[in-house]
Amino acid sequence: MKTGLKACAAALLTALLVSGCGTDTENSAGPSTTQSRTADAPSADGTGFYAEIGGNRIYYASQGTGRPLILLHGGLISSEPTFGALVPELAKSRRVITVDLQAHGRTPDFDRPMGFESMADDIAGLIGHLGLGQADVLGYSLGGGVALQIATRHPDQVSALGVVSAPYRSDGWLPEMRAGMAAMDAEAMRSTPMYQIYTGVAPDPNGWTALVTKTRQLLVTDYDWTAQLPAVKAPTLVLTAESDALRREHAVDMVARLGKTARLEVIPATTHYDIMSRTDLLTPVLTGFFGGTAGR
């Protein structure tokens, strides 16, 4: 692909990612008092807390009470713009915990590459740190890959799993999506709303280049988790948009490989980039699935 086409692909990917992000915050009234470890340091803006996991500081926020549900955002964006409109609905019947993954949002970068496996271990560590025992886990896009890795690497900590618009093999993405990932350029993206969102909350706004570089390296690396799928014990909901950035047959195949406790839901009139903003369509599907798995 020529340089100009790569730049266009990256710009399109960025614009589409930002267009799917809401601006509401999930904790407009401040951090919930339902977290189990009050010793965790509050964030400077009072929206959440920092947990020390494996020597690294990970930002999380908590809202509601009851059975825990952990939400994991997509690449280059954080939990607030991804789940801001969805959290209040889900928190009506459960405790919802949003996490900013390595180098994203309010979580600083760590002295390591960005990996699905290492970030999955971070979340498993957080589940233990908060004394949850088990939690439901829902991940979108990059966060969906992390969620799937939690369920394969730490199956006893996941009571129910939701994977939104994320493949179990890297070739599950459409070719144009992979081209956009490979073309992401930190300098070119400084003019985007995504950069403004990042610098508005990041503990080190100068970390933008590292975030984009590490995320690009993660997303262009080939992977195949076929052999790991049998390790998933939790009932699983695979969600895709009607016009998603991954192949529909790949999602169908994932459900078949996960077995009888997995099911596929296609959210109508949505794309990969706006699916998380459609709370009117997502809320009944998610509450029905996660509520229905209680006690299993």
Protein backbone atom coordinates (compact mmCIF):
# COMPACT_ATOMS: atom_id res chain seq x y z
CA MET A 1 0.00 0.00 0.00
CA LYS A 2 1.35 3.44 -0.90
CA THR A 3 2.13 5.96 1.86
CA GLY A 4 -0.80 8.20 0.97
CA LEU A 5 -3.24 5.31 1.08
CA LYS A 6 -1.85 4.18 4.42
CA ALA A 7 -2.34 7.65 5.85
CA CYS A 8 -5.91 7.73 4.58
CA ALA A 9 -6.63 4.31 6.06
CA ALA A 10 -5.26 5.37 9.43
CA ALA A 11 -7.20 8.63 9.37
CA LEU A 12 -10.40 6.80 8.49
CA LEU A 13 -9.86 4.26 11.25
CA THR A 14 -9.30 7.05 13.77
CA ALA A 15 -12.33 9.04 12.66
CA LEU A 16 -14.57 6.00 12.83
CA LEU A 17 -13.28 4.98 16.25
CA VAL A 18 -13.95 8.44 17.65
CA SER A 19 -17.39 8.64 16.05
CA GLY A 20 -18.43 5.59 18.04
CA CYS A 21 -17.40 7.06 21.38
CA GLY A 22 -19.84 8.75 23.71
CA THR A 23 -18.94 11.72 25.86
CA ASP A 24 -20.93 10.86 28.98
CA THR A 25 -18.99 9.75 32.03
CA GLU A 26 -19.98 6.69 33.98
CA ASN A 27 -19.32 8.27 37.35
CA SER A 28 -20.61 11.83 37.12
CA ALA A 29 -21.42 11.82 40.83
CA GLY A 30 -17.90 10.70 41.80
CA PRO A 31 -16.52 7.27 42.60
CA SER A 32 -18.82 4.72 44.14
CA THR A 33 -18.28 3.62 47.70
CA THR A 34 -18.97 0.01 46.76
CA GLN A 35 -15.34 -0.91 46.05
CA SER A 36 -14.03 -3.47 48.54
CA ARG A 37 -10.53 -2.07 49.01
CA THR A 38 -10.82 1.44 50.41
CA ALA A 39 -7.02 1.59 50.74
CA ASP A 40 -6.71 2.04 46.97
CA ALA A 41 -5.58 5.57 46.16
CA PRO A 42 -8.24 7.76 44.53
CA SER A 43 -7.54 9.28 41.14
CA ALA A 44 -6.69 12.96 41.11
CA ASP A 45 -10.02 13.87 39.49
CA GLY A 46 -12.01 11.76 41.98
CA THR A 47 -13.60 9.52 39.35
CA GLY A 48 -12.06 6.24 40.45
CA PHE A 49 -9.15 4.48 42.13
CA TYR A 50 -5.70 3.04 41.46
CA ALA A 51 -4.94 -0.57 42.32
CA GLU A 52 -1.35 -1.82 42.58
CA ILE A 53 -1.22 -4.97 40.44
CA GLY A 54 2.11 -6.63 39.83
CA GLY A 55 3.95 -3.43 40.62
CA ASN A 56 1.83 -1.37 38.19
CA ARG A 57 -0.93 1.15 38.87
CA ILE A 58 -4.23 0.31 37.17
CA TYR A 59 -7.16 2.71 37.15
CA TYR A 60 -10.66 1.40 37.81
CA ALA A 61 -14.04 2.88 38.68
CA SER A 62 -17.01 1.17 40.30
CA GLN A 63 -20.73 1.89 40.22
CA GLY A 64 -23.71 -0.02 41.57
CA THR A 65 -23.93 -3.06 43.86
CA GLY A 66 -24.35 -6.77 43.38
CA ARG A 67 -22.72 -9.29 41.08
CA PRO A 68 -19.60 -7.74 39.50
CA LEU A 69 -19.28 -7.03 35.78
CA ILE A 70 -15.93 -5.80 34.44
CA LEU A 71 -15.95 -3.74 31.23
CA LEU A 72 -12.87 -3.51 28.98
CA HIS A 73 -12.59 -0.82 26.30
CA GLY A 74 -11.13 -0.83 22.80
CA GLY A 75 -7.75 0.35 21.55
CA LEU A 76 -6.58 3.99 21.85
CA ILE A 77 -9.67 4.97 23.81
CA SER A 78 -10.59 4.56 27.48
CA SER A 79 -13.50 3.30 29.54
CA GLU A 80 -15.45 6.54 29.93
CA PRO A 81 -16.11 7.36 26.27
CA THR A 82 -16.63 3.69 25.42
CA PHE A 83 -19.09 2.74 28.16
CA GLY A 84 -20.29 6.07 29.58
CA ALA A 85 -23.87 5.73 28.38
CA LEU A 86 -24.07 2.00 29.10
CA VAL A 87 -22.80 1.89 32.69
CA PRO A 88 -25.79 3.63 34.37
CA GLU A 89 -28.16 1.12 32.78
CA LEU A 90 -26.10 -1.93 33.73
CA ALA A 91 -25.41 -0.60 37.25
CA LYS A 92 -29.12 -0.63 38.08
CA SER A 93 -28.88 -4.34 38.84
CA ARG A 94 -25.19 -5.08 39.50
CA ARG A 95 -21.79 -3.70 40.36
CA VAL A 96 -20.09 -2.42 37.20
CA ILE A 97 -16.31 -1.99 37.21
CA THR A 98 -14.66 -0.15 34.34
CA VAL A 99 -10.90 -0.45 33.86
CA ASP A 100 -8.43 1.55 31.79
CA LEU A 101 -5.96 -0.91 30.27
CA GLN A 102 -2.19 -0.38 30.08
CA ALA A 103 -1.29 3.10 28.78
CA HIS A 104 -4.95 3.93 28.07
CA GLY A 105 -6.95 6.68 29.75
CA ARG A 106 -5.96 7.21 33.38
CA THR A 107 -3.72 4.13 33.59
CA PRO A 108 -0.05 4.92 32.98
CA ASP A 109 2.12 2.92 30.61
CA PHE A 110 4.18 0.03 31.98
CA ASP A 111 7.77 -0.95 31.26
CA ARG A 112 6.77 -3.82 28.96
CA PRO A 113 5.24 -4.37 25.54
CA MET A 114 1.46 -4.27 25.29
CA GLY A 115 0.06 -7.78 25.08
CA PHE A 116 -3.35 -9.42 25.26
CA GLU A 117 -1.97 -11.98 27.68
CA SER A 118 -0.25 -9.52 30.01
CA MET A 119 -3.30 -7.23 30.14
CA ALA A 120 -5.49 -10.28 30.85
CA ASP A 121 -3.22 -11.12 33.76
CA ASP A 122 -3.62 -7.52 34.98
CA ILE A 123 -7.39 -7.91 35.11
CA ALA A 124 -7.14 -11.31 36.78
CA GLY A 125 -4.92 -9.64 39.37
CA LEU A 126 -7.51 -6.90 39.85
CA ILE A 127 -10.27 -9.48 40.39
CA GLY A 128 -8.17 -10.98 43.15
CA HIS A 129 -7.17 -7.60 44.57
CA LEU A 130 -10.80 -6.53 44.90
CA GLY A 131 -11.71 -9.84 46.52
CA LEU A 132 -14.32 -10.63 43.87
CA GLY A 133 -13.56 -14.33 43.51
CA GLN A 134 -15.30 -14.41 40.14
CA ALA A 135 -16.64 -11.70 37.85
CA ASP A 136 -18.54 -11.40 34.61
CA VAL A 137 -16.29 -9.86 31.95
CA LEU A 138 -17.28 -7.92 28.83
CA GLY A 139 -14.70 -6.62 26.36
CA TYR A 140 -15.03 -4.58 23.19
CA SER A 141 -12.61 -4.78 20.22
CA LEU A 142 -9.08 -4.82 21.71
CA GLY A 143 -10.73 -5.27 25.11
CA GLY A 144 -12.63 -8.23 23.69
CA GLY A 145 -9.31 -9.92 22.96
CA VAL A 146 -8.21 -9.22 26.53
CA ALA A 147 -11.50 -10.61 27.87
CA LEU A 148 -11.09 -13.79 25.84
CA GLN A 149 -7.57 -14.22 27.19
CA ILE A 150 -8.79 -13.80 30.77
CA ALA A 151 -11.30 -16.58 30.20
CA THR A 152 -8.66 -18.92 28.73
CA ARG A 153 -5.80 -18.10 31.13
CA HIS A 154 -7.87 -17.68 34.30
CA PRO A 155 -11.11 -19.60 33.64
CA ASP A 156 -12.02 -19.98 37.31
CA GLN A 157 -12.21 -16.20 37.71
CA VAL A 158 -14.75 -15.63 34.92
CA SER A 159 -18.39 -16.47 35.61
CA ALA A 160 -19.74 -15.20 32.27
CA LEU A 161 -17.98 -13.78 29.21
CA GLY A 162 -18.99 -11.21 26.62
CA VAL A 163 -16.85 -10.64 23.51
CA VAL A 164 -17.90 -7.68 21.38
CA SER A 165 -16.48 -7.19 17.88
CA ALA A 166 -13.26 -9.09 18.52
CA PRO A 167 -11.74 -12.14 16.77
CA TYR A 168 -9.95 -15.14 18.24
CA ARG A 169 -7.55 -15.13 15.27
CA SER A 170 -5.98 -12.02 13.81
CA ASP A 171 -7.17 -12.97 10.32
CA GLY A 172 -10.73 -12.62 11.58
CA TRP A 173 -10.43 -8.88 10.95
CA LEU A 174 -11.36 -7.60 7.50
CA PRO A 175 -8.29 -6.71 5.39
CA GLU A 176 -9.13 -2.99 5.37
CA MET A 177 -9.29 -2.97 9.16
CA ARG A 178 -5.86 -4.54 9.43
CA ALA A 179 -4.50 -2.03 6.94
CA GLY A 180 -5.84 0.81 9.05
CA MET A 181 -4.27 -0.68 12.18
CA ALA A 182 -0.90 -0.99 10.50
CA ALA A 183 -1.05 2.62 9.29
CA MET A 184 -1.76 4.25 12.66
CA ASP A 185 0.64 7.16 13.12
CA ALA A 186 0.94 9.00 16.43
CA GLU A 187 1.93 12.36 14.93
CA ALA A 188 -0.80 12.35 12.29
CA MET A 189 -3.38 11.46 14.94
CA ARG A 190 -2.57 14.44 17.19
CA SER A 191 -5.17 16.40 15.23
CA THR A 192 -7.95 13.97 16.10
CA PRO A 193 -10.54 14.08 18.90
CA MET A 194 -9.04 10.82 20.16
CA TYR A 195 -5.83 12.66 21.06
CA GLN A 196 -7.80 15.37 22.86
CA ILE A 197 -9.66 12.72 24.87
CA TYR A 198 -6.37 11.07 25.81
CA THR A 199 -4.58 14.23 26.91
CA GLY A 200 -7.60 15.26 28.96
CA VAL A 201 -7.24 12.34 31.37
CA ALA A 202 -3.82 10.70 30.93
CA PRO A 203 -1.44 10.94 33.89
CA ASP A 204 1.31 11.72 31.35
CA PRO A 205 -0.07 13.39 28.21
CA ASN A 206 3.36 12.92 26.61
CA GLY A 207 2.70 9.18 26.53
CA TRP A 208 0.58 9.43 23.38
CA THR A 209 3.31 8.25 21.02
CA ALA A 210 4.06 5.22 23.17
CA LEU A 211 0.36 4.36 23.36
CA VAL A 212 -0.14 4.47 19.60
CA THR A 213 3.13 2.67 18.87
CA LYS A 214 2.51 -0.16 21.33
CA THR A 215 -1.13 -0.52 20.27
CA ARG A 216 -0.13 -0.70 16.61
CA GLN A 217 2.52 -3.31 17.38
CA LEU A 218 -0.04 -5.37 19.28
CA LEU A 219 -2.70 -5.19 16.59
CA VAL A 220 -0.45 -6.02 13.62
CA THR A 221 1.03 -9.09 15.31
CA ASP A 222 -0.55 -12.31 14.05
CA TYR A 223 -2.17 -14.57 16.63
CA ASP A 224 -4.32 -17.69 16.68
CA TRP A 225 -6.07 -18.77 19.89
CA THR A 226 -7.89 -21.75 18.40
CA ALA A 227 -6.15 -24.21 20.71
CA GLN A 228 -7.00 -22.10 23.77
CA LEU A 229 -10.77 -21.82 23.21
CA PRO A 230 -11.58 -25.17 24.88
CA ALA A 231 -10.20 -23.72 28.13
CA VAL A 232 -13.12 -21.28 28.34
CA LYS A 233 -15.54 -22.54 30.99
CA ALA A 234 -17.88 -19.56 31.19
CA PRO A 235 -21.11 -19.12 29.24
CA THR A 236 -20.15 -16.79 26.41
CA LEU A 237 -21.99 -14.14 24.42
CA VAL A 238 -20.35 -13.19 21.13
CA LEU A 239 -21.66 -9.87 19.87
CA THR A 240 -21.05 -8.41 16.43
CA ALA A 241 -22.35 -5.40 14.59
CA GLU A 242 -24.44 -5.84 11.48
CA SER A 243 -21.62 -4.13 9.54
CA ASP A 244 -18.62 -5.10 11.61
CA ALA A 245 -14.87 -4.90 11.00
CA LEU A 246 -14.50 -8.64 11.44
CA ARG A 247 -15.84 -11.37 9.23
CA ARG A 248 -19.26 -12.70 10.21
CA GLU A 249 -18.24 -16.27 9.46
CA HIS A 250 -15.38 -15.88 11.91
CA ALA A 251 -17.81 -14.98 14.69
CA VAL A 252 -20.02 -17.94 13.78
CA ASP A 253 -16.99 -20.21 13.89
CA MET A 254 -15.96 -18.85 17.29
CA VAL A 255 -19.35 -19.71 18.76
CA ALA A 256 -19.22 -23.21 17.28
CA ARG A 257 -15.79 -23.79 18.79
CA LEU A 258 -16.85 -22.50 22.22
CA GLY A 259 -19.67 -25.03 22.35
CA LYS A 260 -23.21 -25.24 23.67
CA THR A 261 -22.88 -22.49 26.30
CA ALA A 262 -21.95 -19.88 23.67
CA ARG A 263 -24.29 -17.88 21.49
CA LEU A 264 -24.05 -15.21 18.81
CA GLU A 265 -26.02 -11.97 18.71
CA VAL A 266 -25.87 -9.58 15.76
CA ILE A 267 -26.84 -6.02 16.67
CA PRO A 268 -28.83 -4.56 13.75
CA ALA A 269 -28.09 -1.22 12.09
CA THR A 270 -24.68 -0.90 13.76
CA THR A 271 -21.01 -0.87 12.75
CA HIS A 272 -17.84 -1.78 14.62
CA TYR A 273 -17.43 1.88 15.50
CA ASP A 274 -20.85 2.74 16.92
CA ILE A 275 -22.06 -0.52 18.43
CA MET A 276 -21.14 0.47 22.01
CA SER A 277 -23.14 3.70 21.75
CA ARG A 278 -26.40 1.87 20.98
CA THR A 279 -27.54 1.40 24.56
CA ASP A 280 -31.12 0.96 23.37
CA LEU A 281 -30.11 -2.22 21.55
CA LEU A 282 -27.30 -3.44 23.81
CA THR A 283 -28.90 -3.06 27.25
CA PRO A 284 -31.64 -5.70 26.85
CA VAL A 285 -29.19 -8.15 25.25
CA LEU A 286 -26.53 -7.70 27.95
CA THR A 287 -28.89 -7.68 30.92
CA GLY A 288 -30.67 -10.73 29.55
CA PHE A 289 -27.44 -12.66 29.07
CA PHE A 290 -25.55 -11.70 32.21
CA GLY A 291 -28.68 -11.83 34.35
CA GLY A 292 -29.58 -15.21 32.92
CA THR A 293 -26.20 -16.70 33.76
CA ALA A 294 -26.42 -15.82 37.46
CA GLY A 295 -25.95 -18.84 39.66
CA ARG A 296 -24.46 -21.09 37.00
